[in-house]
Amino acid sequence: MKIMAENEYFSVGSMITCTTCYQQKIIGEVLAFDLGTKMLAIKCAPASGKHSVHDVKLLNLSYVSDVTVVKESDRDVSPPPLSNLNVAKINARLRNNIAEKKRQVNYIGVGVTPEGQKVFNAIVKTITDCRWVGENIVVMEEVTIEPPYTLEACRGKDGSKVLDHVKKIVQKHLRETEQRSSSDVRKSHSPSPAMSS
């Protein structure tokens, strides 16, 4: 469906509504438009519900079924000046995200059992200072958990608060795993509605 004439464009500051190819209706203010690529940037109400921020959506008009200008821009021909970006803050966030992703890659054990990986994942949700040493889980350099990753496999200094905390995490994980498996067994043994009639 052709939605724009050859030389049609959208003025910065205009309010538009459009329907995407996923039947999602979007309402917002035009921030930028590129006729060559048919890309439209619009400022919308935030999905988070915060009043101090906005969502910016980039739309490829080749995948939009309908665009309607609700209100033309009442601004002059030149668009408003863009706000300054805090490049230092953006770079710091980028560095932190890269470091976090690298750390998360190290959370994957090599040659460990699926149960061992699940225990590790349960611990790392609470204690990020956690790593693999071979098949052993090392937590805060104080606690080691060896295969088969049970409560009894937790080793550390007696009376250590870290050891006690790790044991509580492992115990909770094992209890939840047992409850899930027993409920799965009950579900598999219960008759289906078709069989009971």
Protein backbone atom coordinates (compact mmCIF):
# COMPACT_ATOMS: atom_id res chain seq x y z
CA MET A 1 0.00 0.00 0.00
CA LYS A 2 1.48 3.35 -0.99
CA ILE A 3 1.15 5.80 1.87
CA MET A 4 3.10 8.82 0.62
CA ALA A 5 3.37 10.80 -2.56
CA GLU A 6 6.77 11.11 -4.26
CA ASN A 7 7.76 14.43 -2.65
CA GLU A 8 5.67 14.25 0.52
CA TYR A 9 7.49 14.93 3.75
CA PHE A 10 6.72 15.40 7.44
CA SER A 11 7.55 18.64 9.21
CA VAL A 12 9.48 18.48 12.45
CA GLY A 13 7.07 19.16 15.30
CA SER A 14 3.98 17.78 13.53
CA MET A 15 1.80 15.33 15.44
CA ILE A 16 1.11 12.10 13.57
CA THR A 17 -0.59 8.77 14.06
CA CYS A 18 0.46 5.66 12.20
CA THR A 19 -0.29 1.96 12.10
CA THR A 20 2.61 -0.48 11.77
CA CYS A 21 2.57 -3.76 9.87
CA TYR A 22 1.93 -5.41 13.28
CA GLN A 23 -1.29 -3.37 13.65
CA GLN A 24 0.31 -1.32 16.44
CA LYS A 25 -0.98 2.25 16.55
CA ILE A 26 1.66 4.87 17.36
CA ILE A 27 0.98 8.52 18.12
CA GLY A 28 3.76 11.06 18.48
CA GLU A 29 5.62 14.18 17.44
CA VAL A 30 7.94 14.12 14.41
CA LEU A 31 11.56 14.58 15.45
CA ALA A 32 13.17 13.82 12.10
CA PHE A 33 12.29 12.50 8.65
CA ASP A 34 14.52 11.24 5.86
CA LEU A 35 12.78 11.04 2.50
CA GLY A 36 15.53 8.96 0.85
CA THR A 37 15.29 6.07 3.32
CA LYS A 38 11.67 6.78 4.35
CA MET A 39 12.72 6.73 8.00
CA LEU A 40 10.66 8.67 10.50
CA ALA A 41 11.72 9.43 14.07
CA ILE A 42 8.90 10.28 16.46
CA LYS A 43 8.72 11.20 20.12
CA CYS A 44 6.02 9.25 21.98
CA ALA A 45 4.68 8.97 25.50
CA PRO A 46 7.02 6.81 27.59
CA ALA A 47 6.21 3.13 28.04
CA SER A 48 7.66 3.39 31.55
CA GLY A 49 5.02 5.92 32.57
CA LYS A 50 7.61 8.46 33.77
CA HIS A 51 6.58 11.99 32.93
CA SER A 52 10.11 13.39 32.68
CA VAL A 53 11.18 11.21 29.71
CA HIS A 54 9.92 10.22 26.26
CA ASP A 55 10.32 7.20 24.01
CA VAL A 56 11.82 7.79 20.58
CA LYS A 57 10.70 5.36 17.88
CA LEU A 58 12.27 4.95 14.47
CA LEU A 59 9.83 3.83 11.83
CA ASN A 60 10.55 2.56 8.34
CA LEU A 61 7.56 3.88 6.42
CA SER A 62 7.83 0.95 3.99
CA TYR A 63 6.39 -1.15 6.84
CA VAL A 64 3.68 1.26 7.96
CA SER A 65 0.18 0.80 6.59
CA ASP A 66 -1.22 4.23 7.46
CA VAL A 67 0.18 7.63 8.44
CA THR A 68 -2.05 10.58 9.27
CA VAL A 69 -0.93 14.08 10.21
CA VAL A 70 -3.11 15.03 13.18
CA LYS A 71 -1.67 18.53 13.60
CA GLU A 72 0.81 20.38 11.42
CA SER A 73 3.82 21.93 13.08
CA ASP A 74 3.32 25.53 14.19
CA ARG A 75 7.09 26.08 14.33
CA ASP A 76 9.14 28.06 11.85
CA VAL A 77 10.91 26.29 9.01
CA SER A 78 14.03 25.53 11.08
CA PRO A 79 13.73 22.71 13.60
CA PRO A 80 14.43 23.37 17.27
CA PRO A 81 18.05 22.88 18.38
CA LEU A 82 18.93 19.40 19.55
CA SER A 83 19.73 18.95 23.20
CA ASN A 84 23.33 18.17 24.08
CA LEU A 85 24.26 14.57 24.69
CA ASN A 86 26.29 13.68 27.75
CA VAL A 87 28.95 11.73 25.86
CA ALA A 88 30.90 10.89 29.02
CA LYS A 89 27.80 9.34 30.58
CA ILE A 90 27.01 7.39 27.40
CA ASN A 91 30.59 6.07 27.20
CA ALA A 92 30.54 5.10 30.89
CA ARG A 93 27.27 3.22 30.39
CA LEU A 94 28.72 1.49 27.32
CA ARG A 95 31.87 0.43 29.24
CA ASN A 96 29.76 -0.86 32.13
CA ASN A 97 27.51 -2.84 29.78
CA ILE A 98 30.49 -4.39 28.00
CA ALA A 99 32.13 -5.32 31.31
CA GLU A 100 28.85 -6.85 32.54
CA LYS A 101 28.46 -8.91 29.36
CA LYS A 102 32.05 -10.17 29.65
CA ARG A 103 31.43 -11.11 33.27
CA GLN A 104 28.24 -12.95 32.33
CA VAL A 105 30.12 -14.96 29.68
CA ASN A 106 32.37 -16.21 32.48
CA TYR A 107 29.28 -17.40 34.33
CA ILE A 108 28.92 -20.30 31.91
CA GLY A 109 30.70 -23.41 33.13
CA VAL A 110 32.64 -25.57 30.68
CA GLY A 111 32.09 -29.32 31.00
CA VAL A 112 29.75 -28.97 33.98
CA THR A 113 26.43 -30.72 34.47
CA PRO A 114 23.16 -28.87 33.83
CA GLU A 115 22.40 -29.15 37.57
CA GLY A 116 25.73 -27.52 38.40
CA GLN A 117 24.98 -24.64 36.04
CA LYS A 118 21.53 -24.21 37.63
CA VAL A 119 23.07 -24.05 41.12
CA PHE A 120 25.61 -21.50 39.88
CA ASN A 121 22.83 -19.40 38.29
CA ALA A 122 20.86 -19.49 41.56
CA ILE A 123 23.88 -18.27 43.53
CA VAL A 124 24.94 -15.55 41.09
CA LYS A 125 21.49 -13.94 41.30
CA THR A 126 22.38 -12.96 44.87
CA ILE A 127 26.19 -13.00 44.95
CA THR A 128 27.91 -11.72 41.82
CA ASP A 129 31.40 -12.59 43.09
CA CYS A 130 31.07 -16.14 41.83
CA ARG A 131 33.19 -18.05 39.31
CA TRP A 132 33.99 -21.47 37.92
CA VAL A 133 37.28 -23.19 38.69
CA GLY A 134 37.12 -26.31 36.57
CA GLU A 135 33.94 -28.07 37.69
CA ASN A 136 33.90 -26.31 41.08
CA ILE A 137 31.94 -23.18 41.95
CA VAL A 138 33.94 -20.63 43.97
CA VAL A 139 31.98 -17.95 45.82
CA MET A 140 33.76 -14.86 47.18
CA GLU A 141 37.00 -16.88 47.38
CA GLU A 142 35.62 -18.40 50.62
CA VAL A 143 33.23 -21.15 49.57
CA THR A 144 33.73 -23.99 47.10
CA ILE A 145 30.94 -26.21 45.82
CA GLU A 146 32.03 -29.44 44.17
CA PRO A 147 29.99 -31.87 42.07
CA PRO A 148 27.26 -33.08 42.57
CA TYR A 149 26.47 -29.53 43.82
CA THR A 150 24.44 -30.59 46.84
CA LEU A 151 24.24 -28.94 50.23
CA GLU A 152 26.87 -31.35 51.56
CA ALA A 153 29.22 -30.36 48.71
CA CYS A 154 29.50 -26.78 50.04
CA ARG A 155 32.92 -26.30 51.63
CA GLY A 156 34.29 -23.32 53.55
CA LYS A 157 35.40 -22.12 56.97
CA ASP A 158 33.08 -23.35 59.71
CA GLY A 159 30.95 -20.52 61.05
CA SER A 160 31.56 -18.39 57.96
CA LYS A 161 28.63 -16.10 57.16
CA VAL A 162 29.34 -16.52 53.45
CA LEU A 163 29.19 -20.33 53.79
CA ASP A 164 25.91 -20.10 55.71
CA HIS A 165 24.43 -17.74 53.12
CA VAL A 166 25.53 -19.92 50.18
CA LYS A 167 24.09 -23.01 51.87
CA LYS A 168 20.74 -21.23 52.26
CA ILE A 169 20.74 -20.32 48.55
CA VAL A 170 21.64 -23.89 47.51
CA GLN A 171 19.06 -25.37 49.89
CA LYS A 172 16.33 -23.08 48.54
CA HIS A 173 17.29 -23.92 44.94
CA LEU A 174 17.26 -27.67 45.62
CA ARG A 175 13.90 -27.43 47.43
CA GLU A 176 12.34 -25.46 44.54
CA THR A 177 13.76 -27.92 42.00
CA GLU A 178 12.32 -30.85 43.96
CA GLN A 179 8.91 -29.16 44.20
CA ARG A 180 8.87 -28.47 40.45
CA SER A 181 9.79 -32.04 39.58
CA SER A 182 7.18 -33.52 41.95
CA SER A 183 4.48 -31.24 40.53
CA ASP A 184 5.52 -32.29 37.00
CA VAL A 185 5.19 -35.95 38.02
CA ARG A 186 1.71 -35.30 39.46
CA LYS A 187 0.65 -33.54 36.26
CA SER A 188 1.91 -36.40 34.09
CA HIS A 189 -0.04 -38.97 36.17
CA SER A 190 -3.29 -37.02 36.30
CA PRO A 191 -5.87 -38.09 33.71
CA SER A 192 -6.52 -35.76 30.85
CA PRO A 193 -10.05 -34.36 30.44
CA ALA A 194 -10.59 -36.51 27.33
CA MET A 195 -9.70 -39.71 29.19
CA SER A 196 -11.97 -39.03 32.18
CA SER A 197 -15.11 -38.60 30.09
